[in-house]
Amino acid sequence: MEVYSAEGMWWRPEASQHRVPGTLTSDEDGVQLVVYGPLRPSIPSKVGVNKIEESQWVATPVVHGRTRDGADITLLGVLAAC
């Protein structure tokens, strides 16, 4: 399998104005998307910042992306640790 790596901007279809930078890589071990911020826009809390005690897996059905060289990419069935 050929190794692929692309930097770009990534977003969920229902929050297309909220885009975060990240890097998509694929190799013999699979496909990985590392984003440098949350794919879900944060909602301010009335009591302050919510602290997550432990990591949890969140399923995101669709993630769209556009690489720096202009290629459009759609990822399906994304599992994210947050």
PDB file of N, CA and C in Angstrom:
ATOM      1  N   MET A   1       0.836  -1.179   0.000  1.00  0.00           N
ATOM      2  CA  MET A   1       0.000   0.000   0.000  1.00  0.00           C
ATOM      3  C   MET A   1       0.888   1.253   0.000  1.00  0.00           C
ATOM      4  N   GLU A   2       0.508   2.204  -0.802  1.00  0.00           N
ATOM      5  CA  GLU A   2       1.242   3.459  -0.875  1.00  0.00           C
ATOM      6  C   GLU A   2       0.889   4.347   0.318  1.00  0.00           C
ATOM      7  N   VAL A   3       1.888   4.982   0.902  1.00  0.00           N
ATOM      8  CA  VAL A   3       1.666   5.890   2.022  1.00  0.00           C
ATOM      9  C   VAL A   3       1.168   7.221   1.472  1.00  0.00           C
ATOM     10  N   TYR A   4       0.108   7.745   2.097  1.00  0.00           N
ATOM     11  CA  TYR A   4      -0.485   9.009   1.670  1.00  0.00           C
ATOM     12  C   TYR A   4      -0.548   9.929   2.878  1.00  0.00           C
ATOM     13  N   SER A   5      -0.259  11.200   2.673  1.00  0.00           N
ATOM     14  CA  SER A   5      -0.363  12.191   3.741  1.00  0.00           C
ATOM     15  C   SER A   5      -0.799  13.508   3.119  1.00  0.00           C
ATOM     16  N   ALA A   6      -1.776  14.170   3.759  1.00  0.00           N
ATOM     17  CA  ALA A   6      -2.265  15.443   3.239  1.00  0.00           C
ATOM     18  C   ALA A   6      -2.709  16.336   4.388  1.00  0.00           C
ATOM     19  N   GLU A   7      -2.251  17.573   4.355  1.00  0.00           N
ATOM     20  CA  GLU A   7      -2.711  18.565   5.318  1.00  0.00           C
ATOM     21  C   GLU A   7      -3.869  19.329   4.693  1.00  0.00           C
ATOM     22  N   GLY A   8      -4.814  19.751   5.548  1.00  0.00           N
ATOM     23  CA  GLY A   8      -5.953  20.491   5.031  1.00  0.00           C
ATOM     24  C   GLY A   8      -6.853  20.982   6.143  1.00  0.00           C
ATOM     25  N   MET A   9      -8.064  21.350   5.741  1.00  0.00           N
ATOM     26  CA  MET A   9      -9.097  21.800   6.674  1.00  0.00           C
ATOM     27  C   MET A   9     -10.203  20.753   6.681  1.00  0.00           C
ATOM     28  N   TRP A  10     -10.778  20.503   7.873  1.00  0.00           N
ATOM     29  CA  TRP A  10     -11.736  19.409   8.065  1.00  0.00           C
ATOM     30  C   TRP A  10     -12.965  19.923   8.794  1.00  0.00           C
ATOM     31  N   TRP A  11     -14.155  19.374   8.456  1.00  0.00           N
ATOM     32  CA  TRP A  11     -15.400  19.822   9.073  1.00  0.00           C
ATOM     33  C   TRP A  11     -16.485  18.761   8.930  1.00  0.00           C
ATOM     34  N   ARG A  12     -17.499  18.905   9.789  1.00  0.00           N
ATOM     35  CA  ARG A  12     -18.690  18.059   9.717  1.00  0.00           C
ATOM     36  C   ARG A  12     -19.704  18.758   8.823  1.00  0.00           C
ATOM     37  N   PRO A  13     -20.501  18.030   8.038  1.00  0.00           N
ATOM     38  CA  PRO A  13     -21.436  18.662   7.099  1.00  0.00           C
ATOM     39  C   PRO A  13     -22.420  19.618   7.768  1.00  0.00           C
ATOM     40  N   GLU A  14     -22.868  19.281   8.966  1.00  0.00           N
ATOM     41  CA  GLU A  14     -23.858  20.130   9.641  1.00  0.00           C
ATOM     42  C   GLU A  14     -23.231  21.350  10.304  1.00  0.00           C
ATOM     43  N   ALA A  15     -21.915  21.460  10.298  1.00  0.00           N
ATOM     44  CA  ALA A  15     -21.211  22.615  10.875  1.00  0.00           C
ATOM     45  C   ALA A  15     -20.127  23.069   9.902  1.00  0.00           C
ATOM     46  N   SER A  16     -20.520  23.308   8.648  1.00  0.00           N
ATOM     47  CA  SER A  16     -19.539  23.570   7.595  1.00  0.00           C
ATOM     48  C   SER A  16     -18.760  24.870   7.786  1.00  0.00           C
ATOM     49  N   GLN A  17     -19.257  25.780   8.609  1.00  0.00           N
ATOM     50  CA  GLN A  17     -18.528  27.017   8.878  1.00  0.00           C
ATOM     51  C   GLN A  17     -17.450  26.826   9.939  1.00  0.00           C
ATOM     52  N   HIS A  18     -17.510  25.718  10.663  1.00  0.00           N
ATOM     53  CA  HIS A  18     -16.520  25.413  11.713  1.00  0.00           C
ATOM     54  C   HIS A  18     -15.502  24.420  11.145  1.00  0.00           C
ATOM     55  N   ARG A  19     -14.398  24.931  10.648  1.00  0.00           N
ATOM     56  CA  ARG A  19     -13.365  24.101  10.026  1.00  0.00           C
ATOM     57  C   ARG A  19     -12.099  24.140  10.864  1.00  0.00           C
ATOM     58  N   VAL A  20     -11.458  22.981  10.980  1.00  0.00           N
ATOM     59  CA  VAL A  20     -10.229  22.898  11.771  1.00  0.00           C
ATOM     60  C   VAL A  20      -9.108  22.308  10.917  1.00  0.00           C
ATOM     61  N   PRO A  21      -7.873  22.771  11.143  1.00  0.00           N
ATOM     62  CA  PRO A  21      -6.752  22.209  10.400  1.00  0.00           C
ATOM     63  C   PRO A  21      -6.421  20.808  10.907  1.00  0.00           C
ATOM     64  N   GLY A  22      -5.852  20.015  10.020  1.00  0.00           N
ATOM     65  CA  GLY A  22      -5.457  18.669  10.415  1.00  0.00           C
ATOM     66  C   GLY A  22      -4.702  17.971   9.310  1.00  0.00           C
ATOM     67  N   THR A  23      -4.260  16.750   9.614  1.00  0.00           N
ATOM     68  CA  THR A  23      -3.483  15.947   8.677  1.00  0.00           C
ATOM     69  C   THR A  23      -4.098  14.564   8.545  1.00  0.00           C
ATOM     70  N   LEU A  24      -4.334  14.157   7.319  1.00  0.00           N
ATOM     71  CA  LEU A  24      -4.839  12.824   7.009  1.00  0.00           C
ATOM     72  C   LEU A  24      -3.675  11.980   6.514  1.00  0.00           C
ATOM     73  N   THR A  25      -3.511  10.796   7.087  1.00  0.00           N
ATOM     74  CA  THR A  25      -2.477   9.872   6.630  1.00  0.00           C
ATOM     75  C   THR A  25      -3.096   8.491   6.436  1.00  0.00           C
ATOM     76  N   SER A  26      -2.548   7.763   5.496  1.00  0.00           N
ATOM     77  CA  SER A  26      -2.937   6.363   5.329  1.00  0.00           C
ATOM     78  C   SER A  26      -1.689   5.572   5.001  1.00  0.00           C
ATOM     79  N   ASP A  27      -1.636   4.380   5.558  1.00  0.00           N
ATOM     80  CA  ASP A  27      -0.519   3.472   5.316  1.00  0.00           C
ATOM     81  C   ASP A  27      -1.013   2.050   5.526  1.00  0.00           C
ATOM     82  N   GLU A  28      -0.101   1.108   5.657  1.00  0.00           N
ATOM     83  CA  GLU A  28      -0.497  -0.290   5.808  1.00  0.00           C
ATOM     84  C   GLU A  28      -1.286  -0.551   7.090  1.00  0.00           C
ATOM     85  N   ASP A  29      -1.213   0.360   8.067  1.00  0.00           N
ATOM     86  CA  ASP A  29      -1.956   0.198   9.320  1.00  0.00           C
ATOM     87  C   ASP A  29      -3.360   0.791   9.272  1.00  0.00           C
ATOM     88  N   GLY A  30      -3.688   1.551   8.240  1.00  0.00           N
ATOM     89  CA  GLY A  30      -5.013   2.128   8.122  1.00  0.00           C
ATOM     90  C   GLY A  30      -4.968   3.623   7.837  1.00  0.00           C
ATOM     91  N   VAL A  31      -6.089   4.284   8.117  1.00  0.00           N
ATOM     92  CA  VAL A  31      -6.254   5.712   7.858  1.00  0.00           C
ATOM     93  C   VAL A  31      -6.386   6.427   9.194  1.00  0.00           C
ATOM     94  N   GLN A  32      -5.714   7.580   9.317  1.00  0.00           N
ATOM     95  CA  GLN A  32      -5.785   8.358  10.548  1.00  0.00           C
ATOM     96  C   GLN A  32      -5.919   9.835  10.196  1.00  0.00           C
ATOM     97  N   LEU A  33      -6.859  10.486  10.856  1.00  0.00           N
ATOM     98  CA  LEU A  33      -7.021  11.935  10.740  1.00  0.00           C
ATOM     99  C   LEU A  33      -6.711  12.544  12.097  1.00  0.00           C
ATOM    100  N   VAL A  34      -5.730  13.438  12.123  1.00  0.00           N
ATOM    101  CA  VAL A  34      -5.389  14.168  13.336  1.00  0.00           C
ATOM    102  C   VAL A  34      -5.805  15.616  13.100  1.00  0.00           C
ATOM    103  N   VAL A  35      -6.736  16.104  13.916  1.00  0.00           N
ATOM    104  CA  VAL A  35      -7.168  17.497  13.792  1.00  0.00           C
ATOM    105  C   VAL A  35      -6.645  18.291  14.979  1.00  0.00           C
ATOM    106  N   TYR A  36      -6.396  19.558  14.733  1.00  0.00           N
ATOM    107  CA  TYR A  36      -5.802  20.431  15.741  1.00  0.00           C
ATOM    108  C   TYR A  36      -6.862  21.363  16.316  1.00  0.00           C
ATOM    109  N   GLY A  37      -7.900  20.753  16.846  1.00  0.00           N
ATOM    110  CA  GLY A  37      -9.026  21.452  17.447  1.00  0.00           C
ATOM    111  C   GLY A  37     -10.237  20.541  17.352  1.00  0.00           C
ATOM    112  N   PRO A  38     -11.322  20.890  18.028  1.00  0.00           N
ATOM    113  CA  PRO A  38     -12.517  20.041  18.020  1.00  0.00           C
ATOM    114  C   PRO A  38     -13.295  20.168  16.715  1.00  0.00           C
ATOM    115  N   LEU A  39     -13.806  19.038  16.204  1.00  0.00           N
ATOM    116  CA  LEU A  39     -14.671  19.072  15.029  1.00  0.00           C
ATOM    117  C   LEU A  39     -16.050  19.625  15.367  1.00  0.00           C
ATOM    118  N   ARG A  40     -16.409  19.566  16.620  1.00  0.00           N
ATOM    119  CA  ARG A  40     -17.694  20.119  17.058  1.00  0.00           C
ATOM    120  C   ARG A  40     -17.441  21.501  17.653  1.00  0.00           C
ATOM    121  N   PRO A  41     -18.189  22.517  17.187  1.00  0.00           N
ATOM    122  CA  PRO A  41     -18.004  23.848  17.773  1.00  0.00           C
ATOM    123  C   PRO A  41     -18.318  23.809  19.264  1.00  0.00           C
ATOM    124  N   SER A  42     -17.540  24.526  20.042  1.00  0.00           N
ATOM    125  CA  SER A  42     -17.787  24.542  21.487  1.00  0.00           C
ATOM    126  C   SER A  42     -18.953  25.464  21.801  1.00  0.00           C
ATOM    127  N   ILE A  43     -19.690  25.082  22.821  1.00  0.00           N
ATOM    128  CA  ILE A  43     -20.826  25.877  23.289  1.00  0.00           C
ATOM    129  C   ILE A  43     -20.469  26.377  24.680  1.00  0.00           C
ATOM    130  N   PRO A  44     -20.430  27.699  24.858  1.00  0.00           N
ATOM    131  CA  PRO A  44     -20.071  28.219  26.178  1.00  0.00           C
ATOM    132  C   PRO A  44     -21.032  27.730  27.258  1.00  0.00           C
ATOM    133  N   SER A  45     -20.485  27.372  28.391  1.00  0.00           N
ATOM    134  CA  SER A  45     -21.265  26.909  29.523  1.00  0.00           C
ATOM    135  C   SER A  45     -21.548  28.088  30.453  1.00  0.00           C
ATOM    136  N   LYS A  46     -22.700  28.075  31.092  1.00  0.00           N
ATOM    137  CA  LYS A  46     -23.046  29.140  32.037  1.00  0.00           C
ATOM    138  C   LYS A  46     -22.249  29.040  33.332  1.00  0.00           C
ATOM    139  N   VAL A  47     -21.700  27.849  33.608  1.00  0.00           N
ATOM    140  CA  VAL A  47     -20.954  27.653  34.854  1.00  0.00           C
ATOM    141  C   VAL A  47     -19.450  27.598  34.642  1.00  0.00           C
ATOM    142  N   GLY A  48     -18.981  27.828  33.420  1.00  0.00           N
ATOM    143  CA  GLY A  48     -17.541  27.801  33.165  1.00  0.00           C
ATOM    144  C   GLY A  48     -17.150  26.680  32.225  1.00  0.00           C
ATOM    145  N   VAL A  49     -15.913  26.336  32.246  1.00  0.00           N
ATOM    146  CA  VAL A  49     -15.371  25.325  31.345  1.00  0.00           C
ATOM    147  C   VAL A  49     -15.704  23.933  31.861  1.00  0.00           C
ATOM    148  N   ASN A  50     -16.214  23.098  30.969  1.00  0.00           N
ATOM    149  CA  ASN A  50     -16.480  21.703  31.337  1.00  0.00           C
ATOM    150  C   ASN A  50     -15.193  20.914  31.204  1.00  0.00           C
ATOM    151  N   LYS A  51     -14.851  20.142  32.199  1.00  0.00           N
ATOM    152  CA  LYS A  51     -13.639  19.332  32.186  1.00  0.00           C
ATOM    153  C   LYS A  51     -14.010  17.888  31.904  1.00  0.00           C
ATOM    154  N   ILE A  52     -13.330  17.289  30.931  1.00  0.00           N
ATOM    155  CA  ILE A  52     -13.549  15.880  30.616  1.00  0.00           C
ATOM    156  C   ILE A  52     -12.554  15.067  31.439  1.00  0.00           C
ATOM    157  N   GLU A  53     -13.060  14.183  32.262  1.00  0.00           N
ATOM    158  CA  GLU A  53     -12.213  13.409  33.163  1.00  0.00           C
ATOM    159  C   GLU A  53     -11.437  12.306  32.449  1.00  0.00           C
ATOM    160  N   GLU A  54     -12.076  11.644  31.468  1.00  0.00           N
ATOM    161  CA  GLU A  54     -11.391  10.569  30.770  1.00  0.00           C
ATOM    162  C   GLU A  54     -11.806  10.590  29.304  1.00  0.00           C
ATOM    163  N   SER A  55     -10.978  10.001  28.464  1.00  0.00           N
ATOM    164  CA  SER A  55     -11.264   9.966  27.033  1.00  0.00           C
ATOM    165  C   SER A  55     -12.479   9.101  26.759  1.00  0.00           C
ATOM    166  N   GLN A  56     -13.193   9.478  25.716  1.00  0.00           N
ATOM    167  CA  GLN A  56     -14.322   8.682  25.277  1.00  0.00           C
ATOM    168  C   GLN A  56     -14.337   8.685  23.749  1.00  0.00           C
ATOM    169  N   TRP A  57     -14.915   7.638  23.151  1.00  0.00           N
ATOM    170  CA  TRP A  57     -15.000   7.530  21.708  1.00  0.00           C
ATOM    171  C   TRP A  57     -16.312   8.111  21.237  1.00  0.00           C
ATOM    172  N   VAL A  58     -16.247   8.907  20.173  1.00  0.00           N
ATOM    173  CA  VAL A  58     -17.434   9.532  19.594  1.00  0.00           C
ATOM    174  C   VAL A  58     -17.474   9.167  18.113  1.00  0.00           C
ATOM    175  N   ALA A  59     -18.620   8.691  17.656  1.00  0.00           N
ATOM    176  CA  ALA A  59     -18.783   8.357  16.239  1.00  0.00           C
ATOM    177  C   ALA A  59     -19.269   9.586  15.477  1.00  0.00           C
ATOM    178  N   THR A  60     -18.616   9.880  14.379  1.00  0.00           N
ATOM    179  CA  THR A  60     -19.020  10.964  13.486  1.00  0.00           C
ATOM    180  C   THR A  60     -19.251  10.328  12.120  1.00  0.00           C
ATOM    181  N   PRO A  61     -20.508  10.347  11.636  1.00  0.00           N
ATOM    182  CA  PRO A  61     -20.816   9.632  10.394  1.00  0.00           C
ATOM    183  C   PRO A  61     -20.048  10.141   9.168  1.00  0.00           C
ATOM    184  N   VAL A  62     -19.886  11.474   9.056  1.00  0.00           N
ATOM    185  CA  VAL A  62     -19.248  12.052   7.867  1.00  0.00           C
ATOM    186  C   VAL A  62     -18.336  13.200   8.280  1.00  0.00           C
ATOM    187  N   VAL A  63     -17.124  13.226   7.706  1.00  0.00           N
ATOM    188  CA  VAL A  63     -16.208  14.362   7.866  1.00  0.00           C
ATOM    189  C   VAL A  63     -15.723  14.741   6.470  1.00  0.00           C
ATOM    190  N   HIS A  64     -15.880  16.010   6.126  1.00  0.00           N
ATOM    191  CA  HIS A  64     -15.403  16.510   4.841  1.00  0.00           C
ATOM    192  C   HIS A  64     -14.064  17.199   5.042  1.00  0.00           C
ATOM    193  N   GLY A  65     -13.272  17.241   3.978  1.00  0.00           N
ATOM    194  CA  GLY A  65     -11.996  17.933   4.032  1.00  0.00           C
ATOM    195  C   GLY A  65     -11.591  18.479   2.682  1.00  0.00           C
ATOM    196  N   ARG A  66     -10.727  19.468   2.743  1.00  0.00           N
ATOM    197  CA  ARG A  66     -10.099  19.996   1.532  1.00  0.00           C
ATOM    198  C   ARG A  66      -8.625  20.141   1.825  1.00  0.00           C
ATOM    199  N   THR A  67      -7.800  19.454   1.017  1.00  0.00           N
ATOM    200  CA  THR A  67      -6.365  19.490   1.235  1.00  0.00           C
ATOM    201  C   THR A  67      -5.787  20.816   0.757  1.00  0.00           C
ATOM    202  N   ARG A  68      -4.552  21.073   1.158  1.00  0.00           N
ATOM    203  CA  ARG A  68      -3.887  22.316   0.753  1.00  0.00           C
ATOM    204  C   ARG A  68      -3.771  22.450  -0.764  1.00  0.00           C
ATOM    205  N   ASP A  69      -3.691  21.308  -1.454  1.00  0.00           N
ATOM    206  CA  ASP A  69      -3.589  21.379  -2.913  1.00  0.00           C
ATOM    207  C   ASP A  69      -4.952  21.360  -3.605  1.00  0.00           C
ATOM    208  N   GLY A  70      -6.047  21.478  -2.824  1.00  0.00           N
ATOM    209  CA  GLY A  70      -7.388  21.632  -3.388  1.00  0.00           C
ATOM    210  C   GLY A  70      -8.181  20.365  -3.599  1.00  0.00           C
ATOM    211  N   ALA A  71      -7.681  19.210  -3.173  1.00  0.00           N
ATOM    212  CA  ALA A  71      -8.428  17.960  -3.316  1.00  0.00           C
ATOM    213  C   ALA A  71      -9.516  17.873  -2.245  1.00  0.00           C
ATOM    214  N   ASP A  72     -10.730  17.494  -2.662  1.00  0.00           N
ATOM    215  CA  ASP A  72     -11.830  17.282  -1.722  1.00  0.00           C
ATOM    216  C   ASP A  72     -11.826  15.831  -1.277  1.00  0.00           C
ATOM    217  N   ILE A  73     -12.002  15.625   0.036  1.00  0.00           N
ATOM    218  CA  ILE A  73     -11.990  14.279   0.620  1.00  0.00           C
ATOM    219  C   ILE A  73     -13.191  14.157   1.551  1.00  0.00           C
ATOM    220  N   THR A  74     -13.859  13.009   1.508  1.00  0.00           N
ATOM    221  CA  THR A  74     -14.936  12.705   2.446  1.00  0.00           C
ATOM    222  C   THR A  74     -14.596  11.410   3.156  1.00  0.00           C
ATOM    223  N   LEU A  75     -14.648  11.458   4.486  1.00  0.00           N
ATOM    224  CA  LEU A  75     -14.411  10.280   5.322  1.00  0.00           C
ATOM    225  C   LEU A  75     -15.741   9.826   5.898  1.00  0.00           C
ATOM    226  N   LEU A  76     -15.999   8.527   5.889  1.00  0.00           N
ATOM    227  CA  LEU A  76     -17.254   7.969   6.408  1.00  0.00           C
ATOM    228  C   LEU A  76     -16.974   7.107   7.624  1.00  0.00           C
ATOM    229  N   GLY A  77     -17.873   7.168   8.613  1.00  0.00           N
ATOM    230  CA  GLY A  77     -17.753   6.317   9.801  1.00  0.00           C
ATOM    231  C   GLY A  77     -16.519   6.612  10.632  1.00  0.00           C
ATOM    232  N   VAL A  78     -16.290   7.866  10.949  1.00  0.00           N
ATOM    233  CA  VAL A  78     -15.101   8.278  11.693  1.00  0.00           C
ATOM    234  C   VAL A  78     -15.332   8.061  13.193  1.00  0.00           C
ATOM    235  N   LEU A  79     -14.385   7.393  13.852  1.00  0.00           N
ATOM    236  CA  LEU A  79     -14.395   7.261  15.308  1.00  0.00           C
ATOM    237  C   LEU A  79     -13.314   8.160  15.867  1.00  0.00           C
ATOM    238  N   ALA A  80     -13.683   8.958  16.850  1.00  0.00           N
ATOM    239  CA  ALA A  80     -12.727   9.931  17.395  1.00  0.00           C
ATOM    240  C   ALA A  80     -12.624   9.779  18.906  1.00  0.00           C
ATOM    241  N   ALA A  81     -11.404   9.871  19.408  1.00  0.00           N
ATOM    242  CA  ALA A  81     -11.186   9.912  20.849  1.00  0.00           C
ATOM    243  C   ALA A  81     -11.165  11.377  21.261  1.00  0.00           C
ATOM    244  N   CYS A  82     -11.944  11.692  22.270  1.00  0.00           N
ATOM    245  CA  CYS A  82     -11.947  13.072  22.749  1.00  0.00           C
ATOM    246  C   CYS A  82     -12.069  13.097  24.255  1.00  0.00           C
TER     247      CYS A  82
END
